[in-house]
C-alpha cells in the first residue's frame, strides 16, 4: 500500500491550498480517512477525519470552519481543502489509512504559511 500526498507549498496568510492523497494497493472505500500534521518541535496531531461512508467528519478545533476533508472513492484519493490559512497552520501534512489492521502513512507534504 502506498499513499502519495501532493499540493503543499508556500502561501500567504489568508490563502488556500488543496492537498491530495492518492492510494495504490488498497482501496479507500471501506476505510476511515484521516489527515494529520506535524509542526516543528510539536507532536503529530489529527486535523480531520471522514468515515468510510462519508457521512461523518471530524475536525480539530483549530481548523473548524476553514478546512474541509473529502474523498473520491472512484479515484482512490482523498483531499484536504484548506482556506483562510494562518501561519500556525505551517506543518508537514500526512494522510493516513488503516487497511487490514495495518496503519499506512503518506510521506508528507510541507505547507508553509507566511504572515
N, C-alpha and C. Protein backbone atom coordinates (compact mmCIF):
# COMPACT_ATOMS: atom_id res chain seq x y z
N UNK A 1 0.85 -1.18 0.00
CA UNK A 1 0.00 0.00 0.00
C UNK A 1 0.89 1.24 0.00
N UNK A 2 0.56 2.17 -0.86
CA UNK A 2 1.34 3.39 -0.93
C UNK A 2 0.40 4.58 -0.98
N UNK A 3 0.71 5.57 -0.13
CA UNK A 3 -0.04 6.82 -0.11
C UNK A 3 0.89 7.94 -0.55
N UNK A 4 0.46 8.73 -1.49
CA UNK A 4 1.29 9.82 -2.00
C UNK A 4 0.53 11.13 -1.90
N UNK A 5 1.05 12.04 -1.07
CA UNK A 5 0.44 13.35 -0.92
C UNK A 5 1.02 14.33 -1.94
N UNK A 6 0.23 15.31 -2.25
CA UNK A 6 0.68 16.41 -3.11
C UNK A 6 -0.15 17.65 -2.79
N UNK A 7 0.31 18.78 -3.29
CA UNK A 7 -0.47 20.00 -3.14
C UNK A 7 0.06 20.98 -2.11
N UNK A 8 1.09 20.60 -1.38
CA UNK A 8 1.65 21.52 -0.40
C UNK A 8 2.42 22.63 -1.08
N UNK A 9 2.85 23.60 -0.28
CA UNK A 9 3.61 24.70 -0.83
C UNK A 9 3.65 25.88 0.11
N UNK A 10 4.09 27.00 -0.44
CA UNK A 10 4.19 28.25 0.31
C UNK A 10 3.03 29.15 -0.09
N UNK A 11 2.33 29.67 0.90
CA UNK A 11 1.18 30.52 0.63
C UNK A 11 1.15 31.64 1.67
N UNK A 12 0.61 32.77 1.31
CA UNK A 12 0.47 33.86 2.26
C UNK A 12 -0.73 33.61 3.18
N UNK A 13 -0.68 34.19 4.35
CA UNK A 13 -1.80 34.10 5.28
C UNK A 13 -3.08 34.56 4.59
N UNK A 14 -4.14 33.81 4.82
CA UNK A 14 -5.41 34.11 4.18
C UNK A 14 -5.63 33.34 2.89
N UNK A 15 -4.59 32.72 2.41
CA UNK A 15 -4.68 31.98 1.16
C UNK A 15 -5.23 30.58 1.34
N UNK A 16 -5.24 29.83 0.24
CA UNK A 16 -5.80 28.48 0.23
C UNK A 16 -4.85 27.50 -0.44
N UNK A 17 -4.96 26.27 -0.03
CA UNK A 17 -4.27 25.15 -0.66
C UNK A 17 -5.19 23.94 -0.63
N UNK A 18 -5.01 23.06 -1.57
CA UNK A 18 -5.75 21.81 -1.59
C UNK A 18 -4.75 20.66 -1.63
N UNK A 19 -4.75 19.86 -0.60
CA UNK A 19 -3.88 18.70 -0.54
C UNK A 19 -4.62 17.49 -1.10
N UNK A 20 -3.86 16.63 -1.76
CA UNK A 20 -4.40 15.38 -2.27
C UNK A 20 -3.58 14.23 -1.72
N UNK A 21 -4.23 13.08 -1.59
CA UNK A 21 -3.54 11.87 -1.16
C UNK A 21 -4.10 10.72 -1.98
N UNK A 22 -3.25 10.19 -2.85
CA UNK A 22 -3.66 9.10 -3.73
C UNK A 22 -3.12 7.79 -3.19
N UNK A 23 -3.99 6.79 -3.17
CA UNK A 23 -3.62 5.49 -2.64
C UNK A 23 -3.47 4.48 -3.76
N UNK A 24 -2.49 3.61 -3.61
CA UNK A 24 -2.35 2.48 -4.51
C UNK A 24 -2.13 1.24 -3.65
N UNK A 25 -2.67 0.14 -4.11
CA UNK A 25 -2.51 -1.09 -3.36
C UNK A 25 -3.56 -1.33 -2.30
N UNK A 26 -4.44 -0.36 -2.15
CA UNK A 26 -5.54 -0.50 -1.19
C UNK A 26 -6.67 0.40 -1.67
N UNK A 27 -7.86 0.10 -1.23
CA UNK A 27 -9.00 0.94 -1.62
C UNK A 27 -9.47 1.75 -0.42
N UNK A 28 -9.82 2.98 -0.69
CA UNK A 28 -10.31 3.86 0.35
C UNK A 28 -11.71 3.49 0.81
N UNK A 29 -12.46 2.91 -0.08
CA UNK A 29 -13.91 2.89 0.10
C UNK A 29 -14.35 2.33 1.45
N UNK A 30 -13.61 1.38 1.98
CA UNK A 30 -14.03 0.78 3.25
C UNK A 30 -13.31 1.32 4.46
N UNK A 31 -12.61 2.42 4.29
CA UNK A 31 -11.76 2.93 5.36
C UNK A 31 -12.10 4.35 5.77
N UNK A 32 -11.96 4.59 7.07
CA UNK A 32 -11.94 5.96 7.54
C UNK A 32 -10.65 6.60 7.05
N UNK A 33 -10.73 7.82 6.59
CA UNK A 33 -9.54 8.52 6.11
C UNK A 33 -9.22 9.65 7.09
N UNK A 34 -7.96 9.93 7.24
CA UNK A 34 -7.51 10.94 8.19
C UNK A 34 -6.36 11.75 7.64
N UNK A 35 -6.34 13.02 8.01
CA UNK A 35 -5.21 13.91 7.76
C UNK A 35 -4.63 14.32 9.11
N UNK A 36 -3.30 14.28 9.21
CA UNK A 36 -2.57 14.72 10.37
C UNK A 36 -1.60 15.81 9.93
N UNK A 37 -1.05 16.51 10.91
CA UNK A 37 0.02 17.45 10.63
C UNK A 37 1.00 17.46 11.79
N UNK A 38 2.22 17.84 11.46
CA UNK A 38 3.26 17.94 12.49
C UNK A 38 4.09 19.19 12.24
N UNK A 39 4.02 20.09 13.18
CA UNK A 39 4.82 21.31 13.12
C UNK A 39 6.16 21.06 13.80
N UNK A 40 7.17 21.86 13.46
CA UNK A 40 8.49 21.67 14.07
C UNK A 40 8.42 21.73 15.60
N UNK A 41 9.00 20.74 16.25
CA UNK A 41 9.04 20.71 17.70
C UNK A 41 7.74 20.30 18.37
N UNK A 42 6.75 19.91 17.57
CA UNK A 42 5.45 19.54 18.15
C UNK A 42 5.09 18.11 17.77
N UNK A 43 4.15 17.56 18.52
CA UNK A 43 3.69 16.22 18.20
C UNK A 43 2.75 16.24 17.00
N UNK A 44 2.69 15.12 16.34
CA UNK A 44 1.76 14.99 15.22
C UNK A 44 0.34 15.03 15.77
N UNK A 45 -0.51 15.79 15.08
CA UNK A 45 -1.89 15.93 15.55
C UNK A 45 -2.88 15.62 14.45
N UNK A 46 -4.03 15.10 14.87
CA UNK A 46 -5.10 14.82 13.93
C UNK A 46 -5.78 16.11 13.52
N UNK A 47 -5.90 16.30 12.23
CA UNK A 47 -6.52 17.52 11.71
C UNK A 47 -7.97 17.27 11.31
N UNK A 48 -8.19 16.17 10.57
CA UNK A 48 -9.54 15.90 10.07
C UNK A 48 -9.69 14.42 9.78
N UNK A 49 -10.92 13.95 9.86
CA UNK A 49 -11.21 12.56 9.53
C UNK A 49 -12.59 12.47 8.89
N UNK A 50 -12.77 11.41 8.12
CA UNK A 50 -14.05 11.16 7.47
C UNK A 50 -14.29 9.65 7.49
N UNK A 51 -15.50 9.23 7.87
CA UNK A 51 -15.81 7.81 7.90
C UNK A 51 -15.88 7.23 6.49
N UNK A 52 -15.89 5.90 6.43
CA UNK A 52 -15.90 5.23 5.14
C UNK A 52 -17.12 5.59 4.31
N UNK A 53 -18.24 5.83 4.98
CA UNK A 53 -19.46 6.18 4.26
C UNK A 53 -19.46 7.64 3.83
N UNK A 54 -18.60 8.42 4.44
CA UNK A 54 -18.54 9.85 4.13
C UNK A 54 -19.60 10.68 4.83
N UNK A 55 -20.38 10.05 5.69
CA UNK A 55 -21.47 10.80 6.31
C UNK A 55 -21.10 11.42 7.64
N UNK A 56 -19.86 11.23 8.06
CA UNK A 56 -19.44 11.83 9.32
C UNK A 56 -18.01 12.33 9.20
N UNK A 57 -17.80 13.57 9.61
CA UNK A 57 -16.47 14.16 9.59
C UNK A 57 -16.17 14.76 10.96
N UNK A 58 -14.91 14.85 11.26
CA UNK A 58 -14.46 15.49 12.48
C UNK A 58 -13.24 16.34 12.18
N UNK A 59 -13.15 17.47 12.88
CA UNK A 59 -12.05 18.39 12.66
C UNK A 59 -11.46 18.84 14.00
N UNK A 60 -10.18 19.10 13.98
CA UNK A 60 -9.56 19.75 15.13
C UNK A 60 -10.18 21.13 15.29
N UNK A 61 -10.32 21.56 16.54
CA UNK A 61 -10.93 22.87 16.79
C UNK A 61 -10.21 23.99 16.05
N UNK A 62 -8.90 23.83 15.92
CA UNK A 62 -8.10 24.89 15.32
C UNK A 62 -8.36 25.07 13.83
N UNK A 63 -9.00 24.09 13.17
CA UNK A 63 -9.22 24.20 11.73
C UNK A 63 -10.70 24.21 11.35
N UNK A 64 -11.57 24.06 12.33
CA UNK A 64 -13.01 24.03 12.03
C UNK A 64 -13.44 25.29 11.31
N UNK A 65 -14.23 25.09 10.28
CA UNK A 65 -14.72 26.22 9.51
C UNK A 65 -13.77 26.69 8.42
N UNK A 66 -12.54 26.18 8.45
CA UNK A 66 -11.55 26.59 7.44
C UNK A 66 -11.10 25.43 6.55
N UNK A 67 -11.03 24.24 7.11
CA UNK A 67 -10.57 23.07 6.37
C UNK A 67 -11.76 22.15 6.08
N UNK A 68 -11.67 21.47 4.93
CA UNK A 68 -12.70 20.50 4.55
C UNK A 68 -12.04 19.24 4.02
N UNK A 69 -12.40 18.12 4.62
CA UNK A 69 -11.90 16.83 4.14
C UNK A 69 -12.92 16.23 3.19
N UNK A 70 -12.43 15.57 2.16
CA UNK A 70 -13.32 14.92 1.22
C UNK A 70 -12.63 13.70 0.63
N UNK A 71 -13.41 12.91 -0.10
CA UNK A 71 -12.86 11.70 -0.69
C UNK A 71 -13.52 11.43 -2.03
N UNK A 72 -12.77 10.79 -2.89
CA UNK A 72 -13.30 10.32 -4.17
C UNK A 72 -12.91 8.85 -4.25
N UNK A 73 -13.83 8.00 -3.87
CA UNK A 73 -13.50 6.57 -3.82
C UNK A 73 -13.20 6.01 -5.21
N UNK A 74 -13.82 6.56 -6.22
CA UNK A 74 -13.56 6.08 -7.58
C UNK A 74 -12.11 6.33 -8.00
N UNK A 75 -11.56 7.41 -7.47
CA UNK A 75 -10.16 7.74 -7.80
C UNK A 75 -9.19 7.28 -6.71
N UNK A 76 -9.75 6.67 -5.64
CA UNK A 76 -8.90 6.23 -4.53
C UNK A 76 -8.05 7.38 -3.98
N UNK A 77 -8.70 8.51 -3.86
CA UNK A 77 -7.98 9.73 -3.48
C UNK A 77 -8.78 10.49 -2.43
N UNK A 78 -8.06 11.06 -1.49
CA UNK A 78 -8.70 11.92 -0.51
C UNK A 78 -8.08 13.30 -0.58
N UNK A 79 -8.80 14.28 -0.06
CA UNK A 79 -8.40 15.67 -0.20
C UNK A 79 -8.55 16.41 1.13
N UNK A 80 -7.79 17.49 1.22
CA UNK A 80 -7.96 18.42 2.33
C UNK A 80 -7.92 19.82 1.74
N UNK A 81 -9.07 20.45 1.69
CA UNK A 81 -9.14 21.83 1.24
C UNK A 81 -8.90 22.73 2.43
N UNK A 82 -7.92 23.60 2.30
CA UNK A 82 -7.52 24.47 3.41
C UNK A 82 -7.69 25.92 2.98
N UNK A 83 -8.58 26.61 3.64
CA UNK A 83 -8.85 28.02 3.34
C UNK A 83 -8.48 28.89 4.53
N UNK A 84 -8.37 30.17 4.28
CA UNK A 84 -8.05 31.13 5.35
C UNK A 84 -6.86 30.66 6.17
N UNK A 85 -5.82 30.28 5.48
CA UNK A 85 -4.65 29.71 6.16
C UNK A 85 -3.97 30.74 7.05
N UNK A 86 -3.43 30.22 8.14
CA UNK A 86 -2.74 31.04 9.13
C UNK A 86 -1.31 30.55 9.28
N UNK A 87 -0.42 31.42 9.73
CA UNK A 87 0.96 30.97 9.95
C UNK A 87 1.06 29.74 10.85
N UNK A 88 0.16 29.62 11.80
CA UNK A 88 0.19 28.46 12.71
C UNK A 88 -0.25 27.16 12.04
N UNK A 89 -0.71 27.24 10.82
CA UNK A 89 -1.02 26.03 10.06
C UNK A 89 0.24 25.45 9.40
N UNK A 90 1.34 26.14 9.49
CA UNK A 90 2.59 25.66 8.92
C UNK A 90 2.98 24.33 9.55
N UNK A 91 3.18 23.31 8.72
CA UNK A 91 3.48 21.96 9.20
C UNK A 91 3.68 21.05 8.01
N UNK A 92 4.13 19.85 8.30
CA UNK A 92 4.10 18.78 7.31
C UNK A 92 2.78 18.04 7.50
N UNK A 93 2.05 17.88 6.43
CA UNK A 93 0.74 17.24 6.46
C UNK A 93 0.84 15.82 5.93
N UNK A 94 0.20 14.91 6.65
CA UNK A 94 0.24 13.49 6.31
C UNK A 94 -1.18 12.93 6.19
N UNK A 95 -1.37 12.05 5.23
CA UNK A 95 -2.61 11.29 5.18
C UNK A 95 -2.35 9.91 5.77
N UNK A 96 -3.42 9.31 6.25
CA UNK A 96 -3.29 8.00 6.87
C UNK A 96 -4.55 7.18 6.68
N UNK A 97 -4.37 5.90 6.41
CA UNK A 97 -5.47 4.95 6.43
C UNK A 97 -5.03 3.71 7.20
N UNK A 98 -6.01 2.94 7.64
CA UNK A 98 -5.74 1.65 8.25
C UNK A 98 -6.41 0.60 7.37
N UNK A 99 -5.61 -0.27 6.80
CA UNK A 99 -6.14 -1.29 5.91
C UNK A 99 -5.70 -2.65 6.41
N UNK A 100 -6.69 -3.53 6.60
CA UNK A 100 -6.41 -4.88 7.09
C UNK A 100 -5.58 -4.86 8.36
N UNK A 101 -5.90 -3.91 9.23
CA UNK A 101 -5.24 -3.84 10.52
C UNK A 101 -3.86 -3.19 10.52
N UNK A 102 -3.42 -2.72 9.37
CA UNK A 102 -2.10 -2.10 9.26
C UNK A 102 -2.26 -0.61 8.99
N UNK A 103 -1.47 0.20 9.69
CA UNK A 103 -1.51 1.64 9.52
C UNK A 103 -0.56 2.06 8.41
N UNK A 104 -1.07 2.83 7.49
CA UNK A 104 -0.26 3.34 6.38
C UNK A 104 -0.26 4.86 6.39
N UNK A 105 0.94 5.42 6.24
CA UNK A 105 1.12 6.86 6.18
C UNK A 105 1.68 7.27 4.83
N UNK A 106 1.30 8.46 4.41
CA UNK A 106 1.96 9.05 3.28
C UNK A 106 3.30 9.62 3.70
N UNK A 107 4.06 10.13 2.73
CA UNK A 107 5.39 10.64 3.01
C UNK A 107 5.37 12.05 3.57
N UNK A 108 4.23 12.71 3.47
CA UNK A 108 4.09 14.06 3.98
C UNK A 108 4.31 15.10 2.91
N UNK A 109 3.61 16.21 3.06
CA UNK A 109 3.79 17.36 2.16
C UNK A 109 3.87 18.62 3.01
N UNK A 110 4.84 19.46 2.71
CA UNK A 110 5.09 20.65 3.52
C UNK A 110 4.12 21.77 3.14
N UNK A 111 3.52 22.34 4.15
CA UNK A 111 2.69 23.53 3.98
C UNK A 111 3.32 24.65 4.82
N UNK A 112 3.63 25.74 4.16
CA UNK A 112 4.22 26.89 4.85
C UNK A 112 3.36 28.11 4.59
N UNK A 113 2.92 28.74 5.66
CA UNK A 113 2.06 29.92 5.55
C UNK A 113 2.85 31.12 6.08
N UNK A 114 3.05 32.08 5.22
CA UNK A 114 3.81 33.28 5.62
C UNK A 114 2.86 34.37 6.10
N UNK A 115 3.34 35.16 7.02
CA UNK A 115 2.50 36.23 7.59
C UNK A 115 2.64 37.52 6.81
